[in-house]
């Protein structure tokens, strides 16, 4: 089915992917485009991660402490989980506490959230 838009997936990239998927007759040009879209998408995502981490650094450095509470993590897509992982692993964000809540019975071992938790 169609991919739902993600808060952390740039819409311009999603638009390119939709165009790419809707044109199966492109053949070899489509294969070359796939590589280009992958690189452009990864760069866009990396820039988004950097911007969010930088924003949190600025906010957290001005306050005595920040608590980021995220509920229902079992519904998070991989892009969101990758962003959270990027934030957690950034050792330069001062005074930030991240609290995540999820329904354990809805997160089997192969669920993306379970995989991200094991990586951390």
Protein backbone atom coordinates (compact mmCIF):
# COMPACT_ATOMS: atom_id res chain seq x y z
CA UNK A 1 0.00 0.00 0.00
CA UNK A 2 1.01 3.65 -0.10
CA UNK A 3 3.54 4.75 2.46
CA UNK A 4 2.21 7.01 5.18
CA UNK A 5 4.09 10.28 5.49
CA UNK A 6 6.43 10.47 8.45
CA UNK A 7 7.13 13.52 10.57
CA UNK A 8 10.85 12.92 10.06
CA UNK A 9 10.86 11.98 6.38
CA UNK A 10 11.17 15.05 4.16
CA UNK A 11 8.13 15.46 1.94
CA UNK A 12 10.26 16.31 -1.10
CA UNK A 13 11.92 12.91 -0.82
CA UNK A 14 8.55 11.21 -0.34
CA UNK A 15 7.26 13.01 -3.43
CA UNK A 16 10.25 11.77 -5.45
CA UNK A 17 9.68 8.23 -4.25
CA UNK A 18 6.00 8.41 -5.23
CA UNK A 19 6.96 9.61 -8.71
CA UNK A 20 9.60 6.92 -8.94
CA UNK A 21 7.15 4.16 -8.01
CA UNK A 22 4.49 5.40 -10.39
CA UNK A 23 6.69 5.11 -13.47
CA UNK A 24 7.60 1.42 -13.89
CA UNK A 25 8.29 1.83 -17.64
CA UNK A 26 11.50 3.83 -17.07
CA UNK A 27 13.73 0.72 -17.10
CA UNK A 28 17.47 1.43 -16.71
CA UNK A 29 16.83 5.12 -16.01
CA UNK A 30 14.76 4.00 -13.05
CA UNK A 31 17.68 1.95 -11.69
CA UNK A 32 20.00 4.98 -11.93
CA UNK A 33 17.35 7.15 -10.30
CA UNK A 34 17.04 4.69 -7.41
CA UNK A 35 20.69 5.25 -6.45
CA UNK A 36 20.25 9.03 -6.69
CA UNK A 37 17.09 9.02 -4.57
CA UNK A 38 18.71 6.82 -1.94
CA UNK A 39 21.65 9.18 -1.56
CA UNK A 40 19.46 12.30 -1.60
CA UNK A 41 17.11 10.74 0.93
CA UNK A 42 19.91 9.75 3.29
CA UNK A 43 21.41 13.23 3.10
CA UNK A 44 18.04 14.84 3.81
CA UNK A 45 17.44 12.56 6.76
CA UNK A 46 20.93 13.23 8.13
CA UNK A 47 20.29 17.00 7.85
CA UNK A 48 16.94 16.61 9.63
CA UNK A 49 18.56 14.61 12.44
CA UNK A 50 21.27 17.24 12.80
CA UNK A 51 18.73 20.09 12.88
CA UNK A 52 16.62 18.40 15.57
CA UNK A 53 19.68 17.57 17.69
CA UNK A 54 20.97 21.15 17.32
CA UNK A 55 17.55 22.51 18.32
CA UNK A 56 17.51 20.28 21.42
CA UNK A 57 21.08 21.36 22.32
CA UNK A 58 20.05 25.01 22.20
CA UNK A 59 16.84 24.49 24.21
CA UNK A 60 18.42 22.18 26.78
CA UNK A 61 21.43 24.45 27.32
CA UNK A 62 19.09 27.34 28.22
CA UNK A 63 16.99 25.40 30.74
CA UNK A 64 17.75 23.58 33.98
CA UNK A 65 16.42 20.36 32.50
CA UNK A 66 14.14 19.02 29.81
CA UNK A 67 12.03 15.88 29.92
CA UNK A 68 10.89 14.53 26.58
CA UNK A 69 8.03 12.07 27.12
CA UNK A 70 7.05 9.95 24.15
CA UNK A 71 4.05 7.65 24.52
CA UNK A 72 2.92 4.76 22.31
CA UNK A 73 6.36 4.07 20.84
CA UNK A 74 4.98 0.78 19.50
CA UNK A 75 3.38 2.83 16.71
CA UNK A 76 6.59 4.63 15.73
CA UNK A 77 7.93 4.16 12.24
CA UNK A 78 11.57 3.36 11.56
CA UNK A 79 12.39 6.97 10.59
CA UNK A 80 11.14 8.23 13.95
CA UNK A 81 13.02 5.51 15.84
CA UNK A 82 16.20 6.37 13.91
CA UNK A 83 15.81 10.02 14.93
CA UNK A 84 15.31 9.08 18.58
CA UNK A 85 18.38 6.85 18.43
CA UNK A 86 20.36 9.76 16.96
CA UNK A 87 19.25 11.98 19.86
CA UNK A 88 20.00 9.35 22.51
CA UNK A 89 23.49 8.69 21.14
CA UNK A 90 24.38 12.39 20.90
CA UNK A 91 26.46 13.02 24.01
CA UNK A 92 26.41 16.80 23.55
CA UNK A 93 22.76 17.45 24.45
CA UNK A 94 22.87 18.67 28.07
CA UNK A 95 20.25 18.01 30.74
CA UNK A 96 17.88 15.99 28.55
CA UNK A 97 15.90 13.06 29.90
CA UNK A 98 13.99 10.98 27.36
CA UNK A 99 11.19 8.80 28.69
CA UNK A 100 9.58 6.41 26.25
CA UNK A 101 6.47 4.34 26.90
CA UNK A 102 5.11 1.47 24.85
CA UNK A 103 2.83 -1.53 25.19
CA UNK A 104 5.15 -4.44 25.74
CA UNK A 105 2.56 -6.96 24.56
CA UNK A 106 2.46 -5.17 21.16
CA UNK A 107 6.22 -5.26 20.59
CA UNK A 108 7.44 -8.73 19.58
CA UNK A 109 11.17 -9.47 19.22
CA UNK A 110 11.17 -8.65 15.49
CA UNK A 111 9.40 -5.27 15.94
CA UNK A 112 11.47 -2.21 14.88
CA UNK A 113 11.20 -0.76 18.40
CA UNK A 114 12.57 -3.97 19.95
CA UNK A 115 15.47 -3.91 17.48
CA UNK A 116 16.28 -0.28 18.31
CA UNK A 117 16.14 -0.96 22.05
CA UNK A 118 18.57 -3.87 21.68
CA UNK A 119 20.96 -1.65 19.69
CA UNK A 120 21.05 0.93 22.46
